[in-house]
Amino acid sequence: MGRRYTGTSGKVDDCQVGVFAAYATERGRAQVDGELYLPKSLTGDGERCRAAKIPEGWEFAAEGDLAKAVIARE
């Protein structure tokens, strides 16, 4: 959803970023919850949000804040 550094390509590229919580043990792991990070350039543009079908009233949140929200929901 925007240009930023991504380890997948090893450079600044178009990518999506998600924040995830996972449960892990010696026997395996499972994703428990997650949240898609949306940059200010998108959340601040109502027309782009509507085109991307982002719910009305969605506000920008930094990745650290998203992580706190994901953990708080558990």
C-alpha atoms as a PDB file:
ATOM      1  CA  MET A   1       0.000   0.000   0.000  1.00  0.00           C
ATOM      2  CA  GLY A   2       2.963   2.241  -0.300  1.00  0.00           C
ATOM      3  CA  ARG A   3       6.672   2.526  -0.923  1.00  0.00           C
ATOM      4  CA  ARG A   4       8.909   1.566   1.978  1.00  0.00           C
ATOM      5  CA  TYR A   5      11.832  -0.697   2.726  1.00  0.00           C
ATOM      6  CA  THR A   6      10.952  -4.373   2.622  1.00  0.00           C
ATOM      7  CA  GLY A   7      13.298  -7.198   3.483  1.00  0.00           C
ATOM      8  CA  THR A   8      11.583  -9.392   0.893  1.00  0.00           C
ATOM      9  CA  SER A   9      13.059  -7.397  -1.976  1.00  0.00           C
ATOM     10  CA  GLY A  10      15.910  -5.831   0.017  1.00  0.00           C
ATOM     11  CA  LYS A  11      15.029  -2.336  -1.157  1.00  0.00           C
ATOM     12  CA  VAL A  12      12.364   0.378  -1.055  1.00  0.00           C
ATOM     13  CA  ASP A  13       9.413  -1.034  -2.947  1.00  0.00           C
ATOM     14  CA  ASP A  14       5.602  -1.093  -3.014  1.00  0.00           C
ATOM     15  CA  CYS A  15       4.436  -3.373  -0.226  1.00  0.00           C
ATOM     16  CA  GLN A  16       1.849  -4.026   2.449  1.00  0.00           C
ATOM     17  CA  VAL A  17       2.777  -4.195   6.119  1.00  0.00           C
ATOM     18  CA  GLY A  18       0.926  -6.120   8.785  1.00  0.00           C
ATOM     19  CA  VAL A  19       1.326  -6.412  12.545  1.00  0.00           C
ATOM     20  CA  PHE A  20       0.649  -9.910  13.863  1.00  0.00           C
ATOM     21  CA  ALA A  21       0.390 -11.792  17.157  1.00  0.00           C
ATOM     22  CA  ALA A  22       1.266 -15.468  17.200  1.00  0.00           C
ATOM     23  CA  TYR A  23       1.219 -18.309  19.719  1.00  0.00           C
ATOM     24  CA  ALA A  24       4.336 -20.455  19.572  1.00  0.00           C
ATOM     25  CA  THR A  25       5.430 -23.633  21.348  1.00  0.00           C
ATOM     26  CA  GLU A  26       7.937 -26.384  20.675  1.00  0.00           C
ATOM     27  CA  ARG A  27       5.193 -28.259  18.819  1.00  0.00           C
ATOM     28  CA  GLY A  28       4.247 -25.456  16.443  1.00  0.00           C
ATOM     29  CA  ARG A  29       2.881 -21.988  16.032  1.00  0.00           C
ATOM     30  CA  ALA A  30      -0.332 -20.278  15.000  1.00  0.00           C
ATOM     31  CA  GLN A  31      -1.244 -16.744  14.052  1.00  0.00           C
ATOM     32  CA  VAL A  32      -3.726 -15.443  16.601  1.00  0.00           C
ATOM     33  CA  ASP A  33      -4.551 -11.948  15.383  1.00  0.00           C
ATOM     34  CA  GLY A  34      -3.312  -9.232  13.079  1.00  0.00           C
ATOM     35  CA  GLU A  35      -3.897  -5.751  11.781  1.00  0.00           C
ATOM     36  CA  LEU A  36      -3.009  -4.169   8.448  1.00  0.00           C
ATOM     37  CA  TYR A  37      -0.852  -1.051   8.714  1.00  0.00           C
ATOM     38  CA  LEU A  38      -2.207   1.810   6.614  1.00  0.00           C
ATOM     39  CA  PRO A  39       0.118   4.797   6.008  1.00  0.00           C
ATOM     40  CA  LYS A  40      -0.914   8.402   6.702  1.00  0.00           C
ATOM     41  CA  SER A  41      -0.811   9.101   2.966  1.00  0.00           C
ATOM     42  CA  LEU A  42      -3.720   6.674   2.556  1.00  0.00           C
ATOM     43  CA  THR A  43      -5.734   7.257   5.734  1.00  0.00           C
ATOM     44  CA  GLY A  44      -5.576  11.015   5.184  1.00  0.00           C
ATOM     45  CA  ASP A  45      -7.141  10.751   1.711  1.00  0.00           C
ATOM     46  CA  GLY A  46     -10.875  10.053   1.907  1.00  0.00           C
ATOM     47  CA  GLU A  47     -11.225   9.367  -1.820  1.00  0.00           C
ATOM     48  CA  ARG A  48      -8.441   6.745  -1.801  1.00  0.00           C
ATOM     49  CA  CYS A  49      -9.914   5.150   1.351  1.00  0.00           C
ATOM     50  CA  ARG A  50     -13.326   4.814  -0.313  1.00  0.00           C
ATOM     51  CA  ALA A  51     -11.719   3.363  -3.456  1.00  0.00           C
ATOM     52  CA  ALA A  52      -9.810   0.841  -1.308  1.00  0.00           C
ATOM     53  CA  LYS A  53     -13.026   0.050   0.646  1.00  0.00           C
ATOM     54  CA  ILE A  54     -11.478   1.078   3.954  1.00  0.00           C
ATOM     55  CA  PRO A  55     -14.263   1.566   6.529  1.00  0.00           C
ATOM     56  CA  GLU A  56     -15.375   5.139   7.230  1.00  0.00           C
ATOM     57  CA  GLY A  57     -13.647   6.674  10.238  1.00  0.00           C
ATOM     58  CA  TRP A  58     -10.488   4.531   9.991  1.00  0.00           C
ATOM     59  CA  GLU A  59      -7.591   6.527  11.405  1.00  0.00           C
ATOM     60  CA  PHE A  60      -3.826   6.274  11.062  1.00  0.00           C
ATOM     61  CA  ALA A  61      -2.030   4.250  13.741  1.00  0.00           C
ATOM     62  CA  ALA A  62       1.727   3.709  14.002  1.00  0.00           C
ATOM     63  CA  GLU A  63       2.947   0.108  13.849  1.00  0.00           C
ATOM     64  CA  GLY A  64       3.781   0.112  17.574  1.00  0.00           C
ATOM     65  CA  ASP A  65       0.270   1.298  18.417  1.00  0.00           C
ATOM     66  CA  LEU A  66      -1.201  -1.432  16.209  1.00  0.00           C
ATOM     67  CA  ALA A  67       0.899  -4.019  18.070  1.00  0.00           C
ATOM     68  CA  LYS A  68      -0.409  -2.738  21.417  1.00  0.00           C
ATOM     69  CA  ALA A  69      -4.003  -2.932  20.138  1.00  0.00           C
ATOM     70  CA  VAL A  70      -3.533  -6.492  18.845  1.00  0.00           C
ATOM     71  CA  ILE A  71      -2.086  -7.606  22.199  1.00  0.00           C
ATOM     72  CA  ALA A  72      -4.849  -5.821  24.147  1.00  0.00           C
ATOM     73  CA  ARG A  73      -7.524  -7.730  22.203  1.00  0.00           C
ATOM     74  CA  GLU A  74      -6.131 -11.068  23.370  1.00  0.00           C
END
